[in-house]
Amino acid sequence: MEKAEIDQTLSELSKTADDTVIYKTAGSLLIRTEKNKVSEDLNERKELLGTRSSVIARQEERVKAQVKEAQAKLQEDLNPVSGQPFS
């Protein structure tokens, strides 16, 4: 969601002239800033979000593999070995 907002903001910024007055929020304040500074900040945030997303995706894959391995081991432990009588 934040990435979409950043993309939309960058798109709107690209439509404005370089000398347009830009304000950004800092808490409840609006601070005058330069267009290129805002663009740099947004691009950095976008890159950080992409990095976080890929790290989370790798962690998710690792956890899925661990769950799959645990399920297989549990299934193996629950299934009696064929040919051995119950005690």
PDB file of N, CA and C in Angstrom:
ATOM      1  N   MET A   1       0.825  -1.177   0.000  1.00  0.00           N
ATOM      2  CA  MET A   1       0.000   0.000   0.000  1.00  0.00           C
ATOM      3  C   MET A   1       0.879   1.254   0.000  1.00  0.00           C
ATOM      4  N   GLU A   2       1.882   1.270   0.861  1.00  0.00           N
ATOM      5  CA  GLU A   2       2.777   2.429   0.915  1.00  0.00           C
ATOM      6  C   GLU A   2       3.525   2.596  -0.404  1.00  0.00           C
ATOM      7  N   LYS A   3       3.894   1.467  -1.015  1.00  0.00           N
ATOM      8  CA  LYS A   3       4.601   1.534  -2.299  1.00  0.00           C
ATOM      9  C   LYS A   3       3.708   2.172  -3.358  1.00  0.00           C
ATOM     10  N   ALA A   4       2.438   1.839  -3.363  1.00  0.00           N
ATOM     11  CA  ALA A   4       1.502   2.425  -4.324  1.00  0.00           C
ATOM     12  C   ALA A   4       1.369   3.929  -4.099  1.00  0.00           C
ATOM     13  N   GLU A   5       1.331   4.345  -2.831  1.00  0.00           N
ATOM     14  CA  GLU A   5       1.245   5.770  -2.528  1.00  0.00           C
ATOM     15  C   GLU A   5       2.503   6.503  -2.998  1.00  0.00           C
ATOM     16  N   ILE A   6       3.655   5.877  -2.790  1.00  0.00           N
ATOM     17  CA  ILE A   6       4.912   6.480  -3.225  1.00  0.00           C
ATOM     18  C   ILE A   6       4.936   6.604  -4.744  1.00  0.00           C
ATOM     19  N   ASP A   7       4.527   5.535  -5.435  1.00  0.00           N
ATOM     20  CA  ASP A   7       4.489   5.570  -6.899  1.00  0.00           C
ATOM     21  C   ASP A   7       3.558   6.680  -7.399  1.00  0.00           C
ATOM     22  N   GLN A   8       2.406   6.813  -6.754  1.00  0.00           N
ATOM     23  CA  GLN A   8       1.451   7.837  -7.157  1.00  0.00           C
ATOM     24  C   GLN A   8       2.026   9.238  -6.905  1.00  0.00           C
ATOM     25  N   THR A   9       2.676   9.422  -5.772  1.00  0.00           N
ATOM     26  CA  THR A   9       3.276  10.718  -5.459  1.00  0.00           C
ATOM     27  C   THR A   9       4.383  11.060  -6.443  1.00  0.00           C
ATOM     28  N   LEU A  10       5.240  10.080  -6.752  1.00  0.00           N
ATOM     29  CA  LEU A  10       6.309  10.313  -7.728  1.00  0.00           C
ATOM     30  C   LEU A  10       5.733  10.654  -9.101  1.00  0.00           C
ATOM     31  N   SER A  11       4.645  10.007  -9.456  1.00  0.00           N
ATOM     32  CA  SER A  11       3.994  10.297 -10.733  1.00  0.00           C
ATOM     33  C   SER A  11       3.479  11.735 -10.764  1.00  0.00           C
ATOM     34  N   GLU A  12       2.859  12.157  -9.677  1.00  0.00           N
ATOM     35  CA  GLU A  12       2.357  13.528  -9.612  1.00  0.00           C
ATOM     36  C   GLU A  12       3.508  14.534  -9.611  1.00  0.00           C
ATOM     37  N   LEU A  13       4.588  14.216  -8.913  1.00  0.00           N
ATOM     38  CA  LEU A  13       5.746  15.107  -8.894  1.00  0.00           C
ATOM     39  C   LEU A  13       6.351  15.266 -10.279  1.00  0.00           C
ATOM     40  N   SER A  14       6.332  14.187 -11.055  1.00  0.00           N
ATOM     41  CA  SER A  14       6.917  14.265 -12.395  1.00  0.00           C
ATOM     42  C   SER A  14       6.118  15.196 -13.307  1.00  0.00           C
ATOM     43  N   LYS A  15       4.869  15.433 -12.965  1.00  0.00           N
ATOM     44  CA  LYS A  15       4.015  16.311 -13.769  1.00  0.00           C
ATOM     45  C   LYS A  15       4.204  17.791 -13.425  1.00  0.00           C
ATOM     46  N   THR A  16       4.884  18.066 -12.310  1.00  0.00           N
ATOM     47  CA  THR A  16       5.044  19.449 -11.881  1.00  0.00           C
ATOM     48  C   THR A  16       6.357  20.042 -12.393  1.00  0.00           C
ATOM     49  N   ALA A  17       6.391  21.325 -12.496  1.00  0.00           N
ATOM     50  CA  ALA A  17       7.607  22.021 -12.917  1.00  0.00           C
ATOM     51  C   ALA A  17       8.635  21.973 -11.793  1.00  0.00           C
ATOM     52  N   ASP A  18       9.899  22.093 -12.157  1.00  0.00           N
ATOM     53  CA  ASP A  18      10.972  22.015 -11.164  1.00  0.00           C
ATOM     54  C   ASP A  18      10.930  23.162 -10.159  1.00  0.00           C
ATOM     55  N   ASP A  19      10.374  24.289 -10.535  1.00  0.00           N
ATOM     56  CA  ASP A  19      10.337  25.433  -9.623  1.00  0.00           C
ATOM     57  C   ASP A  19       9.036  25.523  -8.819  1.00  0.00           C
ATOM     58  N   THR A  20       8.199  24.507  -8.903  1.00  0.00           N
ATOM     59  CA  THR A  20       6.955  24.473  -8.152  1.00  0.00           C
ATOM     60  C   THR A  20       7.258  24.361  -6.660  1.00  0.00           C
ATOM     61  N   VAL A  21       6.504  25.102  -5.868  1.00  0.00           N
ATOM     62  CA  VAL A  21       6.678  25.041  -4.419  1.00  0.00           C
ATOM     63  C   VAL A  21       6.077  23.730  -3.922  1.00  0.00           C
ATOM     64  N   ILE A  22       6.895  22.953  -3.196  1.00  0.00           N
ATOM     65  CA  ILE A  22       6.476  21.651  -2.675  1.00  0.00           C
ATOM     66  C   ILE A  22       6.526  21.700  -1.159  1.00  0.00           C
ATOM     67  N   TYR A  23       5.517  21.113  -0.526  1.00  0.00           N
ATOM     68  CA  TYR A  23       5.483  21.009   0.925  1.00  0.00           C
ATOM     69  C   TYR A  23       5.392  19.537   1.294  1.00  0.00           C
ATOM     70  N   LYS A  24       6.064  19.171   2.370  1.00  0.00           N
ATOM     71  CA  LYS A  24       5.920  17.809   2.871  1.00  0.00           C
ATOM     72  C   LYS A  24       5.533  17.881   4.331  1.00  0.00           C
ATOM     73  N   THR A  25       4.876  16.839   4.807  1.00  0.00           N
ATOM     74  CA  THR A  25       4.408  16.845   6.182  1.00  0.00           C
ATOM     75  C   THR A  25       5.492  16.353   7.122  1.00  0.00           C
ATOM     76  N   ALA A  26       5.514  16.962   8.281  1.00  0.00           N
ATOM     77  CA  ALA A  26       6.375  16.534   9.382  1.00  0.00           C
ATOM     78  C   ALA A  26       5.498  16.611  10.625  1.00  0.00           C
ATOM     79  N   GLY A  27       4.846  15.505  10.923  1.00  0.00           N
ATOM     80  CA  GLY A  27       3.861  15.527  12.005  1.00  0.00           C
ATOM     81  C   GLY A  27       2.655  16.313  11.546  1.00  0.00           C
ATOM     82  N   SER A  28       2.326  17.368  12.288  1.00  0.00           N
ATOM     83  CA  SER A  28       1.179  18.189  11.912  1.00  0.00           C
ATOM     84  C   SER A  28       1.606  19.466  11.183  1.00  0.00           C
ATOM     85  N   LEU A  29       2.878  19.555  10.836  1.00  0.00           N
ATOM     86  CA  LEU A  29       3.407  20.719  10.134  1.00  0.00           C
ATOM     87  C   LEU A  29       3.607  20.431   8.653  1.00  0.00           C
ATOM     88  N   LEU A  30       3.530  21.474   7.850  1.00  0.00           N
ATOM     89  CA  LEU A  30       3.903  21.390   6.444  1.00  0.00           C
ATOM     90  C   LEU A  30       5.202  22.171   6.287  1.00  0.00           C
ATOM     91  N   ILE A  31       6.204  21.540   5.705  1.00  0.00           N
ATOM     92  CA  ILE A  31       7.513  22.155   5.547  1.00  0.00           C
ATOM     93  C   ILE A  31       7.811  22.316   4.066  1.00  0.00           C
ATOM     94  N   ARG A  32       8.228  23.510   3.710  1.00  0.00           N
ATOM     95  CA  ARG A  32       8.578  23.789   2.314  1.00  0.00           C
ATOM     96  C   ARG A  32       9.888  23.069   1.991  1.00  0.00           C
ATOM     97  N   THR A  33       9.922  22.428   0.834  1.00  0.00           N
ATOM     98  CA  THR A  33      11.113  21.681   0.436  1.00  0.00           C
ATOM     99  C   THR A  33      11.267  21.734  -1.076  1.00  0.00           C
ATOM    100  N   GLU A  34      12.356  21.186  -1.556  1.00  0.00           N
ATOM    101  CA  GLU A  34      12.615  21.175  -2.992  1.00  0.00           C
ATOM    102  C   GLU A  34      12.083  19.885  -3.610  1.00  0.00           C
ATOM    103  N   LYS A  35      11.652  20.012  -4.842  1.00  0.00           N
ATOM    104  CA  LYS A  35      11.074  18.870  -5.556  1.00  0.00           C
ATOM    105  C   LYS A  35      12.070  17.712  -5.647  1.00  0.00           C
ATOM    106  N   ASN A  36      13.330  18.001  -5.981  1.00  0.00           N
ATOM    107  CA  ASN A  36      14.301  16.910  -6.136  1.00  0.00           C
ATOM    108  C   ASN A  36      14.594  16.225  -4.806  1.00  0.00           C
ATOM    109  N   LYS A  37      14.540  16.958  -3.706  1.00  0.00           N
ATOM    110  CA  LYS A  37      14.769  16.365  -2.381  1.00  0.00           C
ATOM    111  C   LYS A  37      13.630  15.398  -2.038  1.00  0.00           C
ATOM    112  N   VAL A  38      12.405  15.811  -2.323  1.00  0.00           N
ATOM    113  CA  VAL A  38      11.247  14.947  -2.065  1.00  0.00           C
ATOM    114  C   VAL A  38      11.340  13.692  -2.930  1.00  0.00           C
ATOM    115  N   SER A  39      11.695  13.860  -4.192  1.00  0.00           N
ATOM    116  CA  SER A  39      11.827  12.717  -5.094  1.00  0.00           C
ATOM    117  C   SER A  39      12.903  11.746  -4.614  1.00  0.00           C
ATOM    118  N   GLU A  40      14.034  12.281  -4.166  1.00  0.00           N
ATOM    119  CA  GLU A  40      15.105  11.419  -3.647  1.00  0.00           C
ATOM    120  C   GLU A  40      14.632  10.642  -2.420  1.00  0.00           C
ATOM    121  N   ASP A  41      13.971  11.345  -1.498  1.00  0.00           N
ATOM    122  CA  ASP A  41      13.477  10.685  -0.289  1.00  0.00           C
ATOM    123  C   ASP A  41      12.478   9.577  -0.622  1.00  0.00           C
ATOM    124  N   LEU A  42      11.572   9.864  -1.549  1.00  0.00           N
ATOM    125  CA  LEU A  42      10.561   8.869  -1.928  1.00  0.00           C
ATOM    126  C   LEU A  42      11.205   7.669  -2.618  1.00  0.00           C
ATOM    127  N   ASN A  43      12.174   7.918  -3.472  1.00  0.00           N
ATOM    128  CA  ASN A  43      12.853   6.808  -4.134  1.00  0.00           C
ATOM    129  C   ASN A  43      13.628   5.943  -3.138  1.00  0.00           C
ATOM    130  N   GLU A  44      14.233   6.567  -2.128  1.00  0.00           N
ATOM    131  CA  GLU A  44      14.922   5.805  -1.087  1.00  0.00           C
ATOM    132  C   GLU A  44      13.942   4.941  -0.305  1.00  0.00           C
ATOM    133  N   ARG A  45      12.791   5.522   0.052  1.00  0.00           N
ATOM    134  CA  ARG A  45      11.771   4.753   0.775  1.00  0.00           C
ATOM    135  C   ARG A  45      11.256   3.589  -0.065  1.00  0.00           C
ATOM    136  N   LYS A  46      11.084   3.846  -1.361  1.00  0.00           N
ATOM    137  CA  LYS A  46      10.604   2.809  -2.275  1.00  0.00           C
ATOM    138  C   LYS A  46      11.614   1.662  -2.345  1.00  0.00           C
ATOM    139  N   GLU A  47      12.892   2.005  -2.427  1.00  0.00           N
ATOM    140  CA  GLU A  47      13.947   0.988  -2.463  1.00  0.00           C
ATOM    141  C   GLU A  47      13.985   0.195  -1.156  1.00  0.00           C
ATOM    142  N   LEU A  48      13.845   0.890  -0.036  1.00  0.00           N
ATOM    143  CA  LEU A  48      13.832   0.223   1.265  1.00  0.00           C
ATOM    144  C   LEU A  48      12.651  -0.733   1.374  1.00  0.00           C
ATOM    145  N   LEU A  49      11.491  -0.305   0.902  1.00  0.00           N
ATOM    146  CA  LEU A  49      10.313  -1.177   0.914  1.00  0.00           C
ATOM    147  C   LEU A  49      10.532  -2.417   0.059  1.00  0.00           C
ATOM    148  N   GLY A  50      11.174  -2.245  -1.092  1.00  0.00           N
ATOM    149  CA  GLY A  50      11.474  -3.385  -1.951  1.00  0.00           C
ATOM    150  C   GLY A  50      12.416  -4.361  -1.274  1.00  0.00           C
ATOM    151  N   THR A  51      13.413  -3.830  -0.578  1.00  0.00           N
ATOM    152  CA  THR A  51      14.359  -4.687   0.143  1.00  0.00           C
ATOM    153  C   THR A  51      13.644  -5.446   1.263  1.00  0.00           C
ATOM    154  N   ARG A  52      12.840  -4.733   2.026  1.00  0.00           N
ATOM    155  CA  ARG A  52      12.084  -5.385   3.111  1.00  0.00           C
ATOM    156  C   ARG A  52      11.171  -6.473   2.564  1.00  0.00           C
ATOM    157  N   SER A  53      10.531  -6.178   1.457  1.00  0.00           N
ATOM    158  CA  SER A  53       9.619  -7.145   0.851  1.00  0.00           C
ATOM    159  C   SER A  53      10.356  -8.416   0.440  1.00  0.00           C
ATOM    160  N   SER A  54      11.529  -8.267  -0.163  1.00  0.00           N
ATOM    161  CA  SER A  54      12.270  -9.460  -0.584  1.00  0.00           C
ATOM    162  C   SER A  54      12.790 -10.244   0.615  1.00  0.00           C
ATOM    163  N   VAL A  55      13.191  -9.556   1.687  1.00  0.00           N
ATOM    164  CA  VAL A  55      13.644 -10.248   2.903  1.00  0.00           C
ATOM    165  C   VAL A  55      12.486 -11.038   3.514  1.00  0.00           C
ATOM    166  N   ILE A  56      11.327 -10.423   3.580  1.00  0.00           N
ATOM    167  CA  ILE A  56      10.158 -11.096   4.144  1.00  0.00           C
ATOM    168  C   ILE A  56       9.758 -12.291   3.283  1.00  0.00           C
ATOM    169  N   ALA A  57       9.859 -12.159   1.978  1.00  0.00           N
ATOM    170  CA  ALA A  57       9.525 -13.274   1.074  1.00  0.00           C
ATOM    171  C   ALA A  57      10.477 -14.443   1.298  1.00  0.00           C
ATOM    172  N   ARG A  58      11.773 -14.150   1.473  1.00  0.00           N
ATOM    173  CA  ARG A  58      12.741 -15.230   1.738  1.00  0.00           C
ATOM    174  C   ARG A  58      12.461 -15.889   3.082  1.00  0.00           C
ATOM    175  N   GLN A  59      12.124 -15.090   4.095  1.00  0.00           N
ATOM    176  CA  GLN A  59      11.798 -15.648   5.404  1.00  0.00           C
ATOM    177  C   GLN A  59      10.558 -16.530   5.318  1.00  0.00           C
ATOM    178  N   GLU A  60       9.578 -16.088   4.549  1.00  0.00           N
ATOM    179  CA  GLU A  60       8.349 -16.865   4.378  1.00  0.00           C
ATOM    180  C   GLU A  60       8.653 -18.214   3.728  1.00  0.00           C
ATOM    181  N   GLU A  61       9.487 -18.210   2.703  1.00  0.00           N
ATOM    182  CA  GLU A  61       9.852 -19.457   2.029  1.00  0.00           C
ATOM    183  C   GLU A  61      10.586 -20.394   2.993  1.00  0.00           C
ATOM    184  N   ARG A  62      11.480 -19.832   3.802  1.00  0.00           N
ATOM    185  CA  ARG A  62      12.225 -20.627   4.772  1.00  0.00           C
ATOM    186  C   ARG A  62      11.276 -21.266   5.797  1.00  0.00           C
ATOM    187  N   VAL A  63      10.318 -20.492   6.281  1.00  0.00           N
ATOM    188  CA  VAL A  63       9.355 -21.007   7.261  1.00  0.00           C
ATOM    189  C   VAL A  63       8.477 -22.080   6.622  1.00  0.00           C
ATOM    190  N   LYS A  64       8.056 -21.855   5.381  1.00  0.00           N
ATOM    191  CA  LYS A  64       7.243 -22.866   4.695  1.00  0.00           C
ATOM    192  C   LYS A  64       8.006 -24.179   4.555  1.00  0.00           C
ATOM    193  N   ALA A  65       9.295 -24.086   4.218  1.00  0.00           N
ATOM    194  CA  ALA A  65      10.112 -25.288   4.090  1.00  0.00           C
ATOM    195  C   ALA A  65      10.251 -25.988   5.435  1.00  0.00           C
ATOM    196  N   GLN A  66      10.414 -25.232   6.507  1.00  0.00           N
ATOM    197  CA  GLN A  66      10.525 -25.822   7.837  1.00  0.00           C
ATOM    198  C   GLN A  66       9.218 -26.504   8.243  1.00  0.00           C
ATOM    199  N   VAL A  67       8.093 -25.880   7.939  1.00  0.00           N
ATOM    200  CA  VAL A  67       6.793 -26.468   8.259  1.00  0.00           C
ATOM    201  C   VAL A  67       6.595 -27.752   7.463  1.00  0.00           C
ATOM    202  N   LYS A  68       6.949 -27.717   6.198  1.00  0.00           N
ATOM    203  CA  LYS A  68       6.796 -28.901   5.347  1.00  0.00           C
ATOM    204  C   LYS A  68       7.662 -30.047   5.879  1.00  0.00           C
ATOM    205  N   GLU A  69       8.885 -29.723   6.286  1.00  0.00           N
ATOM    206  CA  GLU A  69       9.786 -30.734   6.842  1.00  0.00           C
ATOM    207  C   GLU A  69       9.228 -31.285   8.152  1.00  0.00           C
ATOM    208  N   ALA A  70       8.699 -30.421   9.006  1.00  0.00           N
ATOM    209  CA  ALA A  70       8.124 -30.860  10.279  1.00  0.00           C
ATOM    210  C   ALA A  70       6.888 -31.733  10.036  1.00  0.00           C
ATOM    211  N   GLN A  71       6.071 -31.368   9.051  1.00  0.00           N
ATOM    212  CA  GLN A  71       4.895 -32.174   8.724  1.00  0.00           C
ATOM    213  C   GLN A  71       5.311 -33.570   8.247  1.00  0.00           C
ATOM    214  N   ALA A  72       6.318 -33.611   7.403  1.00  0.00           N
ATOM    215  CA  ALA A  72       6.783 -34.901   6.891  1.00  0.00           C
ATOM    216  C   ALA A  72       7.320 -35.763   8.028  1.00  0.00           C
ATOM    217  N   LYS A  73       8.092 -35.173   8.929  1.00  0.00           N
ATOM    218  CA  LYS A  73       8.632 -35.918  10.060  1.00  0.00           C
ATOM    219  C   LYS A  73       7.520 -36.391  10.975  1.00  0.00           C
ATOM    220  N   LEU A  74       6.554 -35.530  11.240  1.00  0.00           N
ATOM    221  CA  LEU A  74       5.423 -35.904  12.088  1.00  0.00           C
ATOM    222  C   LEU A  74       4.629 -37.025  11.443  1.00  0.00           C
ATOM    223  N   GLN A  75       4.387 -36.932  10.146  1.00  0.00           N
ATOM    224  CA  GLN A  75       3.647 -37.983   9.441  1.00  0.00           C
ATOM    225  C   GLN A  75       4.407 -39.297   9.509  1.00  0.00           C
ATOM    226  N   GLU A  76       5.713 -39.215   9.347  1.00  0.00           N
ATOM    227  CA  GLU A  76       6.558 -40.411   9.427  1.00  0.00           C
ATOM    228  C   GLU A  76       6.498 -41.020  10.826  1.00  0.00           C
ATOM    229  N   ASP A  77       6.529 -40.187  11.848  1.00  0.00           N
ATOM    230  CA  ASP A  77       6.474 -40.675  13.229  1.00  0.00           C
ATOM    231  C   ASP A  77       5.111 -41.250  13.573  1.00  0.00           C
ATOM    232  N   LEU A  78       4.049 -40.743  12.968  1.00  0.00           N
ATOM    233  CA  LEU A  78       2.699 -41.206  13.282  1.00  0.00           C
ATOM    234  C   LEU A  78       2.330 -42.489  12.527  1.00  0.00           C
ATOM    235  N   ASN A  79       2.900 -42.698  11.361  1.00  0.00           N
ATOM    236  CA  ASN A  79       2.621 -43.905  10.583  1.00  0.00           C
ATOM    237  C   ASN A  79       3.452 -45.052  11.134  1.00  0.00           C
ATOM    238  N   PRO A  80       2.799 -46.176  11.481  1.00  0.00           N
ATOM    239  CA  PRO A  80       3.584 -47.319  11.931  1.00  0.00           C
ATOM    240  C   PRO A  80       4.406 -47.898  10.772  1.00  0.00           C
ATOM    241  N   VAL A  81       5.543 -48.405  11.097  1.00  0.00           N
ATOM    242  CA  VAL A  81       6.400 -49.004  10.093  1.00  0.00           C
ATOM    243  C   VAL A  81       5.729 -50.290   9.620  1.00  0.00           C
ATOM    244  N   SER A  82       5.572 -50.473   8.316  1.00  0.00           N
ATOM    245  CA  SER A  82       4.872 -51.630   7.778  1.00  0.00           C
ATOM    246  C   SER A  82       5.655 -52.900   8.107  1.00  0.00           C
ATOM    247  N   GLY A  83       4.913 -53.920   8.461  1.00  0.00           N
ATOM    248  CA  GLY A  83       5.531 -55.214   8.745  1.00  0.00           C
ATOM    249  C   GLY A  83       5.879 -55.411  10.204  1.00  0.00           C
ATOM    250  N   GLN A  84       5.800 -54.401  11.037  1.00  0.00           N
ATOM    251  CA  GLN A  84       6.103 -54.557  12.448  1.00  0.00           C
ATOM    252  C   GLN A  84       4.798 -54.635  13.234  1.00  0.00           C
ATOM    253  N   PRO A  85       4.661 -55.641  14.085  1.00  0.00           N
ATOM    254  CA  PRO A  85       3.435 -55.766  14.858  1.00  0.00           C
ATOM    255  C   PRO A  85       3.375 -54.695  15.965  1.00  0.00           C
ATOM    256  N   PHE A  86       2.151 -54.385  16.341  1.00  0.00           N
ATOM    257  CA  PHE A  86       1.966 -53.440  17.446  1.00  0.00           C
ATOM    258  C   PHE A  86       2.301 -54.149  18.741  1.00  0.00           C
ATOM    259  N   SER A  87       2.841 -53.438  19.697  1.00  0.00           N
ATOM    260  CA  SER A  87       3.170 -54.037  20.991  1.00  0.00           C
ATOM    261  C   SER A  87       2.083 -53.789  21.976  1.00  0.00           C
TER     262      SER A  87
END
